[in-house]
Amino acid sequence: MNSLLFLNDPITVFFIAILSWPVYKCLAKVFFGEQYEKLGQVIKYVIQWDWTSAKQGKYWEDWDASLKFNVFIVMCIGWVIAVSELICRYKLG
């Protein structure tokens, strides 16, 4: 059985990544609010060093924001990989 067929078809991965824009928007609304009101704060904490947040007494807010952002990114990448893999397996079979 072949595994990770999407690695052999980067064009499919590229197109799925582009066409998945509505999925990214939906996930962003779930993670950052309907109007992305928490996105600015999350990006600030992702960019800011952890020790700076700890000095300000906001370490756990930083940790939470960084975790949210990382999970969001992993879910977006996972979506692209999963859909690309399904399409590649369908084309092969």
PDB file of N, CA and C in Angstrom:
ATOM      1  N   MET A   1       0.838  -1.192   0.000  1.00  0.00           N
ATOM      2  CA  MET A   1       0.000   0.000   0.000  1.00  0.00           C
ATOM      3  C   MET A   1       0.880   1.252   0.000  1.00  0.00           C
ATOM      4  N   ASN A   2       0.543   2.162  -0.850  1.00  0.00           N
ATOM      5  CA  ASN A   2       1.298   3.405  -0.918  1.00  0.00           C
ATOM      6  C   ASN A   2       0.864   4.338   0.205  1.00  0.00           C
ATOM      7  N   SER A   3       1.824   5.077   0.715  1.00  0.00           N
ATOM      8  CA  SER A   3       1.481   6.055   1.736  1.00  0.00           C
ATOM      9  C   SER A   3       2.027   7.415   1.329  1.00  0.00           C
ATOM     10  N   LEU A   4       1.372   8.428   1.779  1.00  0.00           N
ATOM     11  CA  LEU A   4       1.759   9.815   1.508  1.00  0.00           C
ATOM     12  C   LEU A   4       1.897  10.096   0.011  1.00  0.00           C
ATOM     13  N   LEU A   5       0.846   9.821  -0.697  1.00  0.00           N
ATOM     14  CA  LEU A   5       0.847  10.044  -2.144  1.00  0.00           C
ATOM     15  C   LEU A   5       0.882  11.532  -2.505  1.00  0.00           C
ATOM     16  N   PHE A   6       0.413  12.389  -1.601  1.00  0.00           N
ATOM     17  CA  PHE A   6       0.382  13.819  -1.911  1.00  0.00           C
ATOM     18  C   PHE A   6       1.781  14.387  -2.116  1.00  0.00           C
ATOM     19  N   LEU A   7       2.800  13.719  -1.568  1.00  0.00           N
ATOM     20  CA  LEU A   7       4.176  14.205  -1.745  1.00  0.00           C
ATOM     21  C   LEU A   7       4.640  14.102  -3.193  1.00  0.00           C
ATOM     22  N   ASN A   8       4.022  13.213  -3.952  1.00  0.00           N
ATOM     23  CA  ASN A   8       4.391  13.038  -5.359  1.00  0.00           C
ATOM     24  C   ASN A   8       3.649  13.989  -6.291  1.00  0.00           C
ATOM     25  N   ASP A   9       2.740  14.777  -5.754  1.00  0.00           N
ATOM     26  CA  ASP A   9       1.922  15.659  -6.588  1.00  0.00           C
ATOM     27  C   ASP A   9       1.848  17.060  -5.967  1.00  0.00           C
ATOM     28  N   PRO A  10       2.934  17.828  -6.041  1.00  0.00           N
ATOM     29  CA  PRO A  10       2.939  19.147  -5.402  1.00  0.00           C
ATOM     30  C   PRO A  10       1.975  20.147  -6.040  1.00  0.00           C
ATOM     31  N   ILE A  11       1.621  19.942  -7.284  1.00  0.00           N
ATOM     32  CA  ILE A  11       0.686  20.863  -7.942  1.00  0.00           C
ATOM     33  C   ILE A  11      -0.692  20.750  -7.306  1.00  0.00           C
ATOM     34  N   THR A  12      -1.111  19.532  -7.012  1.00  0.00           N
ATOM     35  CA  THR A  12      -2.399  19.334  -6.340  1.00  0.00           C
ATOM     36  C   THR A  12      -2.385  19.999  -4.973  1.00  0.00           C
ATOM     37  N   VAL A  13      -1.297  19.818  -4.234  1.00  0.00           N
ATOM     38  CA  VAL A  13      -1.179  20.434  -2.903  1.00  0.00           C
ATOM     39  C   VAL A  13      -1.260  21.953  -3.018  1.00  0.00           C
ATOM     40  N   PHE A  14      -0.598  22.510  -4.014  1.00  0.00           N
ATOM     41  CA  PHE A  14      -0.617  23.955  -4.209  1.00  0.00           C
ATOM     42  C   PHE A  14      -2.037  24.456  -4.490  1.00  0.00           C
ATOM     43  N   PHE A  15      -2.732  23.796  -5.387  1.00  0.00           N
ATOM     44  CA  PHE A  15      -4.088  24.229  -5.730  1.00  0.00           C
ATOM     45  C   PHE A  15      -5.060  24.039  -4.569  1.00  0.00           C
ATOM     46  N   ILE A  16      -4.915  22.960  -3.829  1.00  0.00           N
ATOM     47  CA  ILE A  16      -5.774  22.753  -2.664  1.00  0.00           C
ATOM     48  C   ILE A  16      -5.495  23.832  -1.620  1.00  0.00           C
ATOM     49  N   ALA A  17      -4.238  24.190  -1.447  1.00  0.00           N
ATOM     50  CA  ALA A  17      -3.891  25.239  -0.485  1.00  0.00           C
ATOM     51  C   ALA A  17      -4.528  26.574  -0.881  1.00  0.00           C
ATOM     52  N   ILE A  18      -4.553  26.883  -2.149  1.00  0.00           N
ATOM     53  CA  ILE A  18      -5.155  28.126  -2.619  1.00  0.00           C
ATOM     54  C   ILE A  18      -6.681  28.065  -2.528  1.00  0.00           C
ATOM     55  N   LEU A  19      -7.263  26.960  -2.948  1.00  0.00           N
ATOM     56  CA  LEU A  19      -8.721  26.840  -2.984  1.00  0.00           C
ATOM     57  C   LEU A  19      -9.347  26.654  -1.597  1.00  0.00           C
ATOM     58  N   SER A  20      -8.534  26.411  -0.597  1.00  0.00           N
ATOM     59  CA  SER A  20      -9.048  26.196   0.759  1.00  0.00           C
ATOM     60  C   SER A  20      -9.217  27.497   1.536  1.00  0.00           C
ATOM     61  N   TRP A  21      -9.148  28.619   0.875  1.00  0.00           N
ATOM     62  CA  TRP A  21      -9.285  29.904   1.557  1.00  0.00           C
ATOM     63  C   TRP A  21     -10.563  29.990   2.413  1.00  0.00           C
ATOM     64  N   PRO A  22     -11.718  29.550   1.928  1.00  0.00           N
ATOM     65  CA  PRO A  22     -12.926  29.600   2.775  1.00  0.00           C
ATOM     66  C   PRO A  22     -12.807  28.749   4.046  1.00  0.00           C
ATOM     67  N   VAL A  23     -12.101  27.645   3.965  1.00  0.00           N
ATOM     68  CA  VAL A  23     -11.897  26.807   5.151  1.00  0.00           C
ATOM     69  C   VAL A  23     -11.024  27.547   6.158  1.00  0.00           C
ATOM     70  N   TYR A  24      -9.975  28.208   5.686  1.00  0.00           N
ATOM     71  CA  TYR A  24      -9.104  28.976   6.580  1.00  0.00           C
ATOM     72  C   TYR A  24      -9.902  30.077   7.280  1.00  0.00           C
ATOM     73  N   LYS A  25     -10.777  30.746   6.515  1.00  0.00           N
ATOM     74  CA  LYS A  25     -11.596  31.812   7.116  1.00  0.00           C
ATOM     75  C   LYS A  25     -12.524  31.259   8.188  1.00  0.00           C
ATOM     76  N   CYS A  26     -13.125  30.122   7.924  1.00  0.00           N
ATOM     77  CA  CYS A  26     -14.022  29.504   8.897  1.00  0.00           C
ATOM     78  C   CYS A  26     -13.258  29.109  10.162  1.00  0.00           C
ATOM     79  N   LEU A  27     -12.102  28.514  10.002  1.00  0.00           N
ATOM     80  CA  LEU A  27     -11.284  28.152  11.161  1.00  0.00           C
ATOM     81  C   LEU A  27     -10.832  29.398  11.930  1.00  0.00           C
ATOM     82  N   ALA A  28     -10.487  30.453  11.221  1.00  0.00           N
ATOM     83  CA  ALA A  28     -10.058  31.688  11.886  1.00  0.00           C
ATOM     84  C   ALA A  28     -11.197  32.275  12.714  1.00  0.00           C
ATOM     85  N   LYS A  29     -12.416  32.197  12.201  1.00  0.00           N
ATOM     86  CA  LYS A  29     -13.560  32.701  12.971  1.00  0.00           C
ATOM     87  C   LYS A  29     -13.755  31.892  14.246  1.00  0.00           C
ATOM     88  N   VAL A  30     -13.524  30.597  14.175  1.00  0.00           N
ATOM     89  CA  VAL A  30     -13.654  29.747  15.357  1.00  0.00           C
ATOM     90  C   VAL A  30     -12.582  30.091  16.390  1.00  0.00           C
ATOM     91  N   PHE A  31     -11.354  30.294  15.938  1.00  0.00           N
ATOM     92  CA  PHE A  31     -10.246  30.535  16.857  1.00  0.00           C
ATOM     93  C   PHE A  31     -10.144  31.974  17.339  1.00  0.00           C
ATOM     94  N   PHE A  32     -10.454  32.939  16.480  1.00  0.00           N
ATOM     95  CA  PHE A  32     -10.172  34.340  16.799  1.00  0.00           C
ATOM     96  C   PHE A  32     -11.405  35.224  16.897  1.00  0.00           C
ATOM     97  N   GLY A  33     -12.585  34.661  16.806  1.00  0.00           N
ATOM     98  CA  GLY A  33     -13.808  35.444  16.908  1.00  0.00           C
ATOM     99  C   GLY A  33     -14.405  35.745  15.541  1.00  0.00           C
ATOM    100  N   GLU A  34     -15.668  36.104  15.547  1.00  0.00           N
ATOM    101  CA  GLU A  34     -16.414  36.322  14.305  1.00  0.00           C
ATOM    102  C   GLU A  34     -15.789  37.408  13.425  1.00  0.00           C
ATOM    103  N   GLN A  35     -15.311  38.475  14.024  1.00  0.00           N
ATOM    104  CA  GLN A  35     -14.684  39.560  13.274  1.00  0.00           C
ATOM    105  C   GLN A  35     -13.158  39.573  13.448  1.00  0.00           C
ATOM    106  N   TYR A  36     -12.593  38.436  13.851  1.00  0.00           N
ATOM    107  CA  TYR A  36     -11.154  38.282  14.089  1.00  0.00           C
ATOM    108  C   TYR A  36     -10.644  39.265  15.140  1.00  0.00           C
ATOM    109  N   GLU A  37     -11.496  39.584  16.136  1.00  0.00           N
ATOM    110  CA  GLU A  37     -11.118  40.597  17.114  1.00  0.00           C
ATOM    111  C   GLU A  37      -9.939  40.183  17.992  1.00  0.00           C
ATOM    112  N   LYS A  38      -9.673  38.893  18.147  1.00  0.00           N
ATOM    113  CA  LYS A  38      -8.564  38.442  18.985  1.00  0.00           C
ATOM    114  C   LYS A  38      -7.289  38.212  18.185  1.00  0.00           C
ATOM    115  N   LEU A  39      -7.349  38.324  16.878  1.00  0.00           N
ATOM    116  CA  LEU A  39      -6.202  38.012  16.032  1.00  0.00           C
ATOM    117  C   LEU A  39      -5.013  38.928  16.305  1.00  0.00           C
ATOM    118  N   GLY A  40      -5.244  40.202  16.470  1.00  0.00           N
ATOM    119  CA  GLY A  40      -4.152  41.138  16.734  1.00  0.00           C
ATOM    120  C   GLY A  40      -3.414  40.811  18.016  1.00  0.00           C
ATOM    121  N   GLN A  41      -4.159  40.497  19.051  1.00  0.00           N
ATOM    122  CA  GLN A  41      -3.549  40.143  20.330  1.00  0.00           C
ATOM    123  C   GLN A  41      -2.763  38.831  20.203  1.00  0.00           C
ATOM    124  N   VAL A  42      -3.319  37.881  19.490  1.00  0.00           N
ATOM    125  CA  VAL A  42      -2.644  36.596  19.312  1.00  0.00           C
ATOM    126  C   VAL A  42      -1.333  36.783  18.560  1.00  0.00           C
ATOM    127  N   ILE A  43      -1.351  37.563  17.505  1.00  0.00           N
ATOM    128  CA  ILE A  43      -0.122  37.798  16.731  1.00  0.00           C
ATOM    129  C   ILE A  43       0.910  38.535  17.578  1.00  0.00           C
ATOM    130  N   LYS A  44       0.451  39.475  18.392  1.00  0.00           N
ATOM    131  CA  LYS A  44       1.378  40.186  19.286  1.00  0.00           C
ATOM    132  C   LYS A  44       2.083  39.207  20.219  1.00  0.00           C
ATOM    133  N   TYR A  45       1.338  38.290  20.810  1.00  0.00           N
ATOM    134  CA  TYR A  45       1.928  37.331  21.729  1.00  0.00           C
ATOM    135  C   TYR A  45       2.796  36.297  21.012  1.00  0.00           C
ATOM    136  N   VAL A  46       2.460  35.957  19.785  1.00  0.00           N
ATOM    137  CA  VAL A  46       3.275  35.000  19.032  1.00  0.00           C
ATOM    138  C   VAL A  46       4.636  35.611  18.720  1.00  0.00           C
ATOM    139  N   ILE A  47       4.649  36.883  18.363  1.00  0.00           N
ATOM    140  CA  ILE A  47       5.895  37.560  18.016  1.00  0.00           C
ATOM    141  C   ILE A  47       6.726  37.879  19.257  1.00  0.00           C
ATOM    142  N   GLN A  48       6.071  38.224  20.337  1.00  0.00           N
ATOM    143  CA  GLN A  48       6.746  38.649  21.566  1.00  0.00           C
ATOM    144  C   GLN A  48       7.442  37.469  22.238  1.00  0.00           C
ATOM    145  N   TRP A  49       8.619  37.715  22.815  1.00  0.00           N
ATOM    146  CA  TRP A  49       9.349  36.682  23.543  1.00  0.00           C
ATOM    147  C   TRP A  49       8.566  36.279  24.788  1.00  0.00           C
ATOM    148  N   ASP A  50       8.685  35.011  25.166  1.00  0.00           N
ATOM    149  CA  ASP A  50       7.978  34.517  26.348  1.00  0.00           C
ATOM    150  C   ASP A  50       8.467  35.180  27.626  1.00  0.00           C
ATOM    151  N   TRP A  51       9.752  35.448  27.702  1.00  0.00           N
ATOM    152  CA  TRP A  51      10.261  36.057  28.931  1.00  0.00           C
ATOM    153  C   TRP A  51       9.770  37.493  29.077  1.00  0.00           C
ATOM    154  N   THR A  52       9.515  38.173  27.989  1.00  0.00           N
ATOM    155  CA  THR A  52       8.949  39.522  28.061  1.00  0.00           C
ATOM    156  C   THR A  52       7.537  39.461  28.635  1.00  0.00           C
ATOM    157  N   SER A  53       6.769  38.489  28.185  1.00  0.00           N
ATOM    158  CA  SER A  53       5.419  38.314  28.730  1.00  0.00           C
ATOM    159  C   SER A  53       5.478  37.937  30.206  1.00  0.00           C
ATOM    160  N   ALA A  54       6.440  37.106  30.566  1.00  0.00           N
ATOM    161  CA  ALA A  54       6.576  36.696  31.969  1.00  0.00           C
ATOM    162  C   ALA A  54       6.918  37.894  32.852  1.00  0.00           C
ATOM    163  N   LYS A  55       7.776  38.794  32.356  1.00  0.00           N
ATOM    164  CA  LYS A  55       8.111  39.999  33.133  1.00  0.00           C
ATOM    165  C   LYS A  55       6.893  40.889  33.316  1.00  0.00           C
ATOM    166  N   GLN A  56       6.001  40.894  32.337  1.00  0.00           N
ATOM    167  CA  GLN A  56       4.796  41.717  32.421  1.00  0.00           C
ATOM    168  C   GLN A  56       3.672  41.010  33.179  1.00  0.00           C
ATOM    169  N   GLY A  57       3.909  39.782  33.595  1.00  0.00           N
ATOM    170  CA  GLY A  57       2.888  39.026  34.302  1.00  0.00           C
ATOM    171  C   GLY A  57       1.803  38.467  33.401  1.00  0.00           C
ATOM    172  N   LYS A  58       2.102  38.307  32.120  1.00  0.00           N
ATOM    173  CA  LYS A  58       1.119  37.816  31.149  1.00  0.00           C
ATOM    174  C   LYS A  58       1.604  36.552  30.455  1.00  0.00           C
ATOM    175  N   TYR A  59       2.351  35.740  31.175  1.00  0.00           N
ATOM    176  CA  TYR A  59       2.913  34.540  30.562  1.00  0.00           C
ATOM    177  C   TYR A  59       1.819  33.595  30.088  1.00  0.00           C
ATOM    178  N   TRP A  60       0.805  33.355  30.921  1.00  0.00           N
ATOM    179  CA  TRP A  60      -0.231  32.389  30.558  1.00  0.00           C
ATOM    180  C   TRP A  60      -1.111  32.894  29.417  1.00  0.00           C
ATOM    181  N   GLU A  61      -1.306  34.194  29.322  1.00  0.00           N
ATOM    182  CA  GLU A  61      -2.022  34.751  28.171  1.00  0.00           C
ATOM    183  C   GLU A  61      -1.210  34.525  26.896  1.00  0.00           C
ATOM    184  N   ASP A  62       0.106  34.724  27.005  1.00  0.00           N
ATOM    185  CA  ASP A  62       1.003  34.489  25.883  1.00  0.00           C
ATOM    186  C   ASP A  62       0.971  33.015  25.490  1.00  0.00           C
ATOM    187  N   TRP A  63       1.038  32.139  26.464  1.00  0.00           N
ATOM    188  CA  TRP A  63       1.031  30.705  26.213  1.00  0.00           C
ATOM    189  C   TRP A  63      -0.262  30.285  25.520  1.00  0.00           C
ATOM    190  N   ASP A  64      -1.391  30.796  26.019  1.00  0.00           N
ATOM    191  CA  ASP A  64      -2.688  30.471  25.434  1.00  0.00           C
ATOM    192  C   ASP A  64      -2.790  30.977  23.995  1.00  0.00           C
ATOM    193  N   ALA A  65      -2.366  32.194  23.758  1.00  0.00           N
ATOM    194  CA  ALA A  65      -2.433  32.769  22.413  1.00  0.00           C
ATOM    195  C   ALA A  65      -1.521  32.016  21.446  1.00  0.00           C
ATOM    196  N   SER A  66      -0.333  31.673  21.901  1.00  0.00           N
ATOM    197  CA  SER A  66       0.599  30.931  21.043  1.00  0.00           C
ATOM    198  C   SER A  66       0.058  29.548  20.724  1.00  0.00           C
ATOM    199  N   LEU A  67      -0.528  28.898  21.712  1.00  0.00           N
ATOM    200  CA  LEU A  67      -1.117  27.576  21.483  1.00  0.00           C
ATOM    201  C   LEU A  67      -2.267  27.654  20.480  1.00  0.00           C
ATOM    202  N   LYS A  68      -3.131  28.662  20.638  1.00  0.00           N
ATOM    203  CA  LYS A  68      -4.245  28.841  19.697  1.00  0.00           C
ATOM    204  C   LYS A  68      -3.740  29.024  18.273  1.00  0.00           C
ATOM    205  N   PHE A  69      -2.736  29.874  18.117  1.00  0.00           N
ATOM    206  CA  PHE A  69      -2.197  30.155  16.795  1.00  0.00           C
ATOM    207  C   PHE A  69      -1.564  28.902  16.190  1.00  0.00           C
ATOM    208  N   ASN A  70      -0.796  28.175  16.989  1.00  0.00           N
ATOM    209  CA  ASN A  70      -0.143  26.967  16.489  1.00  0.00           C
ATOM    210  C   ASN A  70      -1.157  25.896  16.101  1.00  0.00           C
ATOM    211  N   VAL A  71      -2.200  25.730  16.898  1.00  0.00           N
ATOM    212  CA  VAL A  71      -3.243  24.755  16.565  1.00  0.00           C
ATOM    213  C   VAL A  71      -3.963  25.183  15.282  1.00  0.00           C
ATOM    214  N   PHE A  72      -4.219  26.474  15.130  1.00  0.00           N
ATOM    215  CA  PHE A  72      -4.836  26.988  13.908  1.00  0.00           C
ATOM    216  C   PHE A  72      -3.982  26.655  12.685  1.00  0.00           C
ATOM    217  N   ILE A  73      -2.693  26.912  12.764  1.00  0.00           N
ATOM    218  CA  ILE A  73      -1.783  26.641  11.647  1.00  0.00           C
ATOM    219  C   ILE A  73      -1.735  25.142  11.343  1.00  0.00           C
ATOM    220  N   VAL A  74      -1.640  24.314  12.391  1.00  0.00           N
ATOM    221  CA  VAL A  74      -1.589  22.869  12.186  1.00  0.00           C
ATOM    222  C   VAL A  74      -2.879  22.367  11.549  1.00  0.00           C
ATOM    223  N   MET A  75      -4.013  22.910  11.961  1.00  0.00           N
ATOM    224  CA  MET A  75      -5.286  22.481  11.366  1.00  0.00           C
ATOM    225  C   MET A  75      -5.376  22.894   9.896  1.00  0.00           C
ATOM    226  N   CYS A  76      -4.908  24.069   9.561  1.00  0.00           N
ATOM    227  CA  CYS A  76      -4.916  24.503   8.158  1.00  0.00           C
ATOM    228  C   CYS A  76      -4.013  23.609   7.306  1.00  0.00           C
ATOM    229  N   ILE A  77      -2.822  23.331   7.803  1.00  0.00           N
ATOM    230  CA  ILE A  77      -1.903  22.457   7.065  1.00  0.00           C
ATOM    231  C   ILE A  77      -2.467  21.044   6.981  1.00  0.00           C
ATOM    232  N   GLY A  78      -3.031  20.569   8.081  1.00  0.00           N
ATOM    233  CA  GLY A  78      -3.626  19.234   8.091  1.00  0.00           C
ATOM    234  C   GLY A  78      -4.766  19.100   7.102  1.00  0.00           C
ATOM    235  N   TRP A  79      -5.574  20.149   6.989  1.00  0.00           N
ATOM    236  CA  TRP A  79      -6.676  20.139   6.014  1.00  0.00           C
ATOM    237  C   TRP A  79      -6.132  19.972   4.592  1.00  0.00           C
ATOM    238  N   VAL A  80      -5.117  20.756   4.265  1.00  0.00           N
ATOM    239  CA  VAL A  80      -4.545  20.703   2.910  1.00  0.00           C
ATOM    240  C   VAL A  80      -3.956  19.323   2.648  1.00  0.00           C
ATOM    241  N   ILE A  81      -3.236  18.769   3.618  1.00  0.00           N
ATOM    242  CA  ILE A  81      -2.628  17.453   3.437  1.00  0.00           C
ATOM    243  C   ILE A  81      -3.702  16.382   3.277  1.00  0.00           C
ATOM    244  N   ALA A  82      -4.728  16.431   4.118  1.00  0.00           N
ATOM    245  CA  ALA A  82      -5.775  15.404   4.061  1.00  0.00           C
ATOM    246  C   ALA A  82      -6.526  15.435   2.735  1.00  0.00           C
ATOM    247  N   VAL A  83      -6.924  16.614   2.302  1.00  0.00           N
ATOM    248  CA  VAL A  83      -7.672  16.712   1.035  1.00  0.00           C
ATOM    249  C   VAL A  83      -6.779  16.326  -0.142  1.00  0.00           C
ATOM    250  N   SER A  84      -5.533  16.768  -0.120  1.00  0.00           N
ATOM    251  CA  SER A  84      -4.610  16.413  -1.209  1.00  0.00           C
ATOM    252  C   SER A  84      -4.387  14.908  -1.258  1.00  0.00           C
ATOM    253  N   GLU A  85      -4.242  14.292  -0.094  1.00  0.00           N
ATOM    254  CA  GLU A  85      -4.043  12.839  -0.054  1.00  0.00           C
ATOM    255  C   GLU A  85      -5.267  12.104  -0.607  1.00  0.00           C
ATOM    256  N   LEU A  86      -6.457  12.557  -0.231  1.00  0.00           N
ATOM    257  CA  LEU A  86      -7.678  11.920  -0.745  1.00  0.00           C
ATOM    258  C   LEU A  86      -7.780  12.047  -2.262  1.00  0.00           C
ATOM    259  N   ILE A  87      -7.455  13.217  -2.777  1.00  0.00           N
ATOM    260  CA  ILE A  87      -7.523  13.419  -4.235  1.00  0.00           C
ATOM    261  C   ILE A  87      -6.473  12.542  -4.941  1.00  0.00           C
ATOM    262  N   CYS A  88      -5.280  12.485  -4.396  1.00  0.00           N
ATOM    263  CA  CYS A  88      -4.229  11.667  -5.013  1.00  0.00           C
ATOM    264  C   CYS A  88      -4.601  10.182  -4.991  1.00  0.00           C
ATOM    265  N   ARG A  89      -5.185   9.721  -3.912  1.00  0.00           N
ATOM    266  CA  ARG A  89      -5.602   8.311  -3.832  1.00  0.00           C
ATOM    267  C   ARG A  89      -6.750   8.034  -4.809  1.00  0.00           C
ATOM    268  N   TYR A  90      -7.651   8.995  -4.970  1.00  0.00           N
ATOM    269  CA  TYR A  90      -8.767   8.831  -5.907  1.00  0.00           C
ATOM    270  C   TYR A  90      -8.250   8.759  -7.347  1.00  0.00           C
ATOM    271  N   LYS A  91      -7.269   9.624  -7.668  1.00  0.00           N
ATOM    272  CA  LYS A  91      -6.693   9.615  -9.025  1.00  0.00           C
ATOM    273  C   LYS A  91      -5.967   8.300  -9.300  1.00  0.00           C
ATOM    274  N   LEU A  92      -5.328   7.757  -8.298  1.00  0.00           N
ATOM    275  CA  LEU A  92      -4.553   6.525  -8.465  1.00  0.00           C
ATOM    276  C   LEU A  92      -5.465   5.309  -8.611  1.00  0.00           C
ATOM    277  N   GLY A  93      -6.556   5.320  -7.814  1.00  0.00           N
ATOM    278  CA  GLY A  93      -7.447   4.139  -7.788  1.00  0.00           C
ATOM    279  C   GLY A  93      -8.455   4.223  -8.830  1.00  0.00           C
TER     280      GLY A  93
END
